[in-house]
Amino acid sequence: MNEAHPGVLVYHSNWCGYCARARRLLESKGVEARFRDVDMEPGARDEMLELTGRRTVPQIFVGSRHIGGCDELFELDQSGELDRILQEPA
């Protein structure tokens, strides 16, 4: 991952198929995302809810920008916008 990359944070659960799909897409792009497990890390679910207003996983951030969930991530990828977002400086 580029040093100037804004960083990617994914709130997830290990049992979630959508989370696994999002992880695979990010990995295919060479993104080394940080993952916060909302089931295992105390306070992670509350933090996610406070930041996004959403209860479902995954919830994905690129830098401080909330991308949304798996569907939004794939929509951004299909439009080509995800690559641009991932190249923005931190």
N, C-alpha and C. Protein backbone atom coordinates (compact mmCIF):
# COMPACT_ATOMS: atom_id res chain seq x y z
N MET A 1 0.85 -1.18 0.00
CA MET A 1 0.00 0.00 0.00
C MET A 1 0.89 1.23 0.00
N ASN A 2 0.47 2.23 -0.70
CA ASN A 2 1.20 3.48 -0.82
C ASN A 2 1.28 4.15 0.55
N GLU A 3 2.42 4.68 0.92
CA GLU A 3 2.61 5.34 2.21
C GLU A 3 1.69 6.55 2.39
N ALA A 4 1.33 7.21 1.29
CA ALA A 4 0.47 8.39 1.38
C ALA A 4 -1.01 8.00 1.43
N HIS A 5 -1.28 6.73 1.32
CA HIS A 5 -2.65 6.24 1.30
C HIS A 5 -3.37 6.64 2.59
N PRO A 6 -4.65 7.03 2.47
CA PRO A 6 -5.37 7.50 3.65
C PRO A 6 -5.70 6.42 4.66
N GLY A 7 -5.54 5.17 4.31
CA GLY A 7 -5.84 4.09 5.22
C GLY A 7 -7.30 3.67 5.13
N VAL A 8 -7.52 2.39 5.29
CA VAL A 8 -8.86 1.83 5.21
C VAL A 8 -9.15 1.12 6.52
N LEU A 9 -10.32 1.40 7.06
CA LEU A 9 -10.80 0.77 8.29
C LEU A 9 -12.12 0.09 7.99
N VAL A 10 -12.23 -1.18 8.41
CA VAL A 10 -13.45 -1.94 8.18
C VAL A 10 -13.95 -2.48 9.51
N TYR A 11 -15.16 -2.10 9.87
CA TYR A 11 -15.84 -2.72 11.01
C TYR A 11 -16.50 -3.97 10.46
N HIS A 12 -16.27 -5.12 11.11
CA HIS A 12 -16.74 -6.38 10.55
C HIS A 12 -17.08 -7.38 11.64
N SER A 13 -17.62 -8.51 11.20
CA SER A 13 -17.82 -9.70 12.04
C SER A 13 -17.23 -10.89 11.30
N ASN A 14 -16.66 -11.83 12.01
CA ASN A 14 -16.04 -12.99 11.37
C ASN A 14 -17.04 -13.87 10.64
N TRP A 15 -18.29 -13.89 11.07
CA TRP A 15 -19.31 -14.75 10.48
C TRP A 15 -19.96 -14.14 9.24
N CYS A 16 -19.67 -12.90 8.91
CA CYS A 16 -20.38 -12.13 7.89
C CYS A 16 -19.82 -12.38 6.49
N GLY A 17 -20.66 -12.91 5.61
CA GLY A 17 -20.25 -13.16 4.23
C GLY A 17 -19.97 -11.88 3.46
N TYR A 18 -20.75 -10.83 3.72
CA TYR A 18 -20.51 -9.54 3.05
C TYR A 18 -19.17 -8.96 3.47
N CYS A 19 -18.82 -9.17 4.73
CA CYS A 19 -17.51 -8.70 5.22
C CYS A 19 -16.39 -9.42 4.49
N ALA A 20 -16.56 -10.73 4.28
CA ALA A 20 -15.55 -11.51 3.58
C ALA A 20 -15.41 -11.04 2.13
N ARG A 21 -16.53 -10.72 1.48
CA ARG A 21 -16.50 -10.22 0.10
C ARG A 21 -15.76 -8.88 0.04
N ALA A 22 -16.06 -8.00 0.98
CA ALA A 22 -15.39 -6.69 1.01
C ALA A 22 -13.89 -6.87 1.23
N ARG A 23 -13.52 -7.76 2.14
CA ARG A 23 -12.10 -8.02 2.42
C ARG A 23 -11.40 -8.50 1.16
N ARG A 24 -12.02 -9.44 0.45
CA ARG A 24 -11.40 -9.99 -0.76
C ARG A 24 -11.21 -8.90 -1.82
N LEU A 25 -12.20 -8.02 -1.98
CA LEU A 25 -12.06 -6.95 -2.97
C LEU A 25 -10.91 -6.02 -2.59
N LEU A 26 -10.86 -5.62 -1.34
CA LEU A 26 -9.78 -4.73 -0.89
C LEU A 26 -8.42 -5.40 -1.06
N GLU A 27 -8.32 -6.67 -0.69
CA GLU A 27 -7.05 -7.40 -0.85
C GLU A 27 -6.65 -7.49 -2.31
N SER A 28 -7.64 -7.68 -3.21
CA SER A 28 -7.33 -7.78 -4.64
C SER A 28 -6.75 -6.48 -5.18
N LYS A 29 -7.01 -5.38 -4.50
CA LYS A 29 -6.48 -4.08 -4.88
C LYS A 29 -5.20 -3.74 -4.12
N GLY A 30 -4.71 -4.67 -3.32
CA GLY A 30 -3.47 -4.45 -2.59
C GLY A 30 -3.63 -3.58 -1.36
N VAL A 31 -4.86 -3.41 -0.89
CA VAL A 31 -5.13 -2.56 0.27
C VAL A 31 -4.94 -3.37 1.54
N GLU A 32 -4.13 -2.85 2.44
CA GLU A 32 -3.94 -3.47 3.75
C GLU A 32 -4.82 -2.74 4.75
N ALA A 33 -6.07 -3.17 4.82
CA ALA A 33 -7.04 -2.51 5.69
C ALA A 33 -6.85 -2.95 7.13
N ARG A 34 -7.28 -2.06 8.04
CA ARG A 34 -7.38 -2.43 9.46
C ARG A 34 -8.81 -2.91 9.68
N PHE A 35 -8.95 -3.96 10.48
CA PHE A 35 -10.26 -4.54 10.74
C PHE A 35 -10.57 -4.49 12.22
N ARG A 36 -11.79 -4.03 12.54
CA ARG A 36 -12.28 -4.01 13.92
C ARG A 36 -13.46 -4.95 14.00
N ASP A 37 -13.33 -6.01 14.79
CA ASP A 37 -14.39 -7.00 14.95
C ASP A 37 -15.41 -6.51 15.97
N VAL A 38 -16.63 -6.22 15.50
CA VAL A 38 -17.65 -5.64 16.38
C VAL A 38 -18.19 -6.65 17.39
N ASP A 39 -17.92 -7.93 17.18
CA ASP A 39 -18.37 -8.96 18.13
C ASP A 39 -17.32 -9.26 19.19
N MET A 40 -16.07 -9.05 18.87
CA MET A 40 -14.99 -9.46 19.77
C MET A 40 -14.31 -8.29 20.48
N GLU A 41 -14.33 -7.10 19.91
CA GLU A 41 -13.64 -5.95 20.49
C GLU A 41 -14.63 -5.09 21.28
N PRO A 42 -14.45 -5.02 22.59
CA PRO A 42 -15.36 -4.20 23.40
C PRO A 42 -15.43 -2.76 22.89
N GLY A 43 -16.64 -2.28 22.71
CA GLY A 43 -16.85 -0.90 22.28
C GLY A 43 -16.82 -0.68 20.78
N ALA A 44 -16.38 -1.66 20.00
CA ALA A 44 -16.25 -1.46 18.55
C ALA A 44 -17.62 -1.26 17.90
N ARG A 45 -18.63 -2.03 18.31
CA ARG A 45 -19.96 -1.88 17.72
C ARG A 45 -20.55 -0.50 18.05
N ASP A 46 -20.40 -0.07 19.31
CA ASP A 46 -20.90 1.25 19.71
C ASP A 46 -20.18 2.36 18.94
N GLU A 47 -18.87 2.21 18.76
CA GLU A 47 -18.09 3.19 18.00
C GLU A 47 -18.59 3.26 16.56
N MET A 48 -18.82 2.09 15.94
CA MET A 48 -19.31 2.03 14.57
C MET A 48 -20.67 2.71 14.46
N LEU A 49 -21.56 2.41 15.39
CA LEU A 49 -22.89 3.00 15.38
C LEU A 49 -22.83 4.52 15.52
N GLU A 50 -21.96 4.99 16.40
CA GLU A 50 -21.81 6.43 16.59
C GLU A 50 -21.28 7.11 15.34
N LEU A 51 -20.32 6.48 14.66
CA LEU A 51 -19.70 7.07 13.48
C LEU A 51 -20.59 7.02 12.24
N THR A 52 -21.40 5.96 12.13
CA THR A 52 -22.13 5.73 10.89
C THR A 52 -23.65 5.83 11.03
N GLY A 53 -24.17 5.62 12.24
CA GLY A 53 -25.61 5.53 12.42
C GLY A 53 -26.17 4.21 11.92
N ARG A 54 -25.30 3.28 11.57
CA ARG A 54 -25.71 1.97 11.03
C ARG A 54 -25.31 0.86 11.99
N ARG A 55 -26.12 -0.20 11.99
CA ARG A 55 -25.85 -1.36 12.84
C ARG A 55 -25.28 -2.55 12.08
N THR A 56 -25.35 -2.51 10.75
CA THR A 56 -24.93 -3.65 9.95
C THR A 56 -23.45 -3.57 9.60
N VAL A 57 -22.86 -4.72 9.37
CA VAL A 57 -21.47 -4.82 8.94
C VAL A 57 -21.43 -5.42 7.54
N PRO A 58 -20.39 -5.10 6.79
CA PRO A 58 -19.29 -4.22 7.15
C PRO A 58 -19.66 -2.75 7.03
N GLN A 59 -18.90 -1.94 7.72
CA GLN A 59 -18.92 -0.48 7.53
C GLN A 59 -17.48 -0.09 7.23
N ILE A 60 -17.29 0.57 6.11
CA ILE A 60 -15.96 0.78 5.56
C ILE A 60 -15.64 2.27 5.48
N PHE A 61 -14.44 2.61 5.92
CA PHE A 61 -13.94 3.97 5.85
C PHE A 61 -12.64 3.98 5.05
N VAL A 62 -12.51 5.00 4.21
CA VAL A 62 -11.23 5.29 3.56
C VAL A 62 -10.83 6.65 4.09
N GLY A 63 -9.78 6.66 4.90
CA GLY A 63 -9.44 7.87 5.63
C GLY A 63 -10.60 8.19 6.55
N SER A 64 -11.06 9.42 6.53
CA SER A 64 -12.21 9.80 7.36
C SER A 64 -13.53 9.68 6.60
N ARG A 65 -13.45 9.27 5.34
CA ARG A 65 -14.65 9.16 4.49
C ARG A 65 -15.35 7.83 4.71
N HIS A 66 -16.62 7.88 5.08
CA HIS A 66 -17.43 6.67 5.24
C HIS A 66 -17.91 6.23 3.87
N ILE A 67 -17.47 5.05 3.44
CA ILE A 67 -17.85 4.51 2.14
C ILE A 67 -19.23 3.87 2.22
N GLY A 68 -19.51 3.21 3.35
CA GLY A 68 -20.75 2.46 3.51
C GLY A 68 -20.43 1.00 3.71
N GLY A 69 -21.31 0.16 3.18
CA GLY A 69 -21.15 -1.28 3.34
C GLY A 69 -20.60 -1.94 2.08
N CYS A 70 -20.80 -3.24 2.02
CA CYS A 70 -20.27 -4.05 0.91
C CYS A 70 -20.86 -3.61 -0.43
N ASP A 71 -22.18 -3.41 -0.48
CA ASP A 71 -22.80 -3.02 -1.74
C ASP A 71 -22.24 -1.70 -2.26
N GLU A 72 -22.09 -0.72 -1.37
CA GLU A 72 -21.53 0.57 -1.78
C GLU A 72 -20.09 0.43 -2.25
N LEU A 73 -19.32 -0.41 -1.57
CA LEU A 73 -17.93 -0.65 -1.96
C LEU A 73 -17.87 -1.21 -3.38
N PHE A 74 -18.71 -2.20 -3.68
CA PHE A 74 -18.71 -2.81 -5.00
C PHE A 74 -19.23 -1.84 -6.06
N GLU A 75 -20.21 -1.01 -5.72
CA GLU A 75 -20.69 0.01 -6.66
C GLU A 75 -19.57 0.99 -7.01
N LEU A 76 -18.82 1.42 -6.00
CA LEU A 76 -17.69 2.32 -6.25
C LEU A 76 -16.65 1.64 -7.13
N ASP A 77 -16.42 0.36 -6.92
CA ASP A 77 -15.44 -0.36 -7.72
C ASP A 77 -15.92 -0.47 -9.17
N GLN A 78 -17.17 -0.80 -9.36
CA GLN A 78 -17.70 -0.95 -10.73
C GLN A 78 -17.67 0.36 -11.49
N SER A 79 -17.84 1.47 -10.81
CA SER A 79 -17.83 2.78 -11.48
C SER A 79 -16.41 3.30 -11.71
N GLY A 80 -15.41 2.65 -11.09
CA GLY A 80 -14.03 3.12 -11.18
C GLY A 80 -13.68 4.15 -10.11
N GLU A 81 -14.66 4.58 -9.36
CA GLU A 81 -14.46 5.61 -8.34
C GLU A 81 -13.60 5.09 -7.17
N LEU A 82 -13.71 3.81 -6.86
CA LEU A 82 -12.95 3.26 -5.72
C LEU A 82 -11.45 3.44 -5.94
N ASP A 83 -10.98 3.14 -7.12
CA ASP A 83 -9.55 3.30 -7.39
C ASP A 83 -9.09 4.73 -7.17
N ARG A 84 -9.93 5.70 -7.60
CA ARG A 84 -9.59 7.10 -7.41
C ARG A 84 -9.53 7.44 -5.92
N ILE A 85 -10.53 6.99 -5.17
CA ILE A 85 -10.58 7.26 -3.75
C ILE A 85 -9.37 6.66 -3.04
N LEU A 86 -8.99 5.46 -3.43
CA LEU A 86 -7.86 4.79 -2.80
C LEU A 86 -6.52 5.47 -3.11
N GLN A 87 -6.48 6.26 -4.18
CA GLN A 87 -5.25 6.95 -4.57
C GLN A 87 -5.14 8.35 -3.97
N GLU A 88 -6.22 8.82 -3.34
CA GLU A 88 -6.18 10.16 -2.73
C GLU A 88 -5.14 10.18 -1.60
N PRO A 89 -4.41 11.28 -1.48
CA PRO A 89 -3.43 11.37 -0.39
C PRO A 89 -4.12 11.44 0.97
N ALA A 90 -3.38 11.06 1.97
CA ALA A 90 -3.90 11.07 3.34
C ALA A 90 -4.19 12.47 3.80
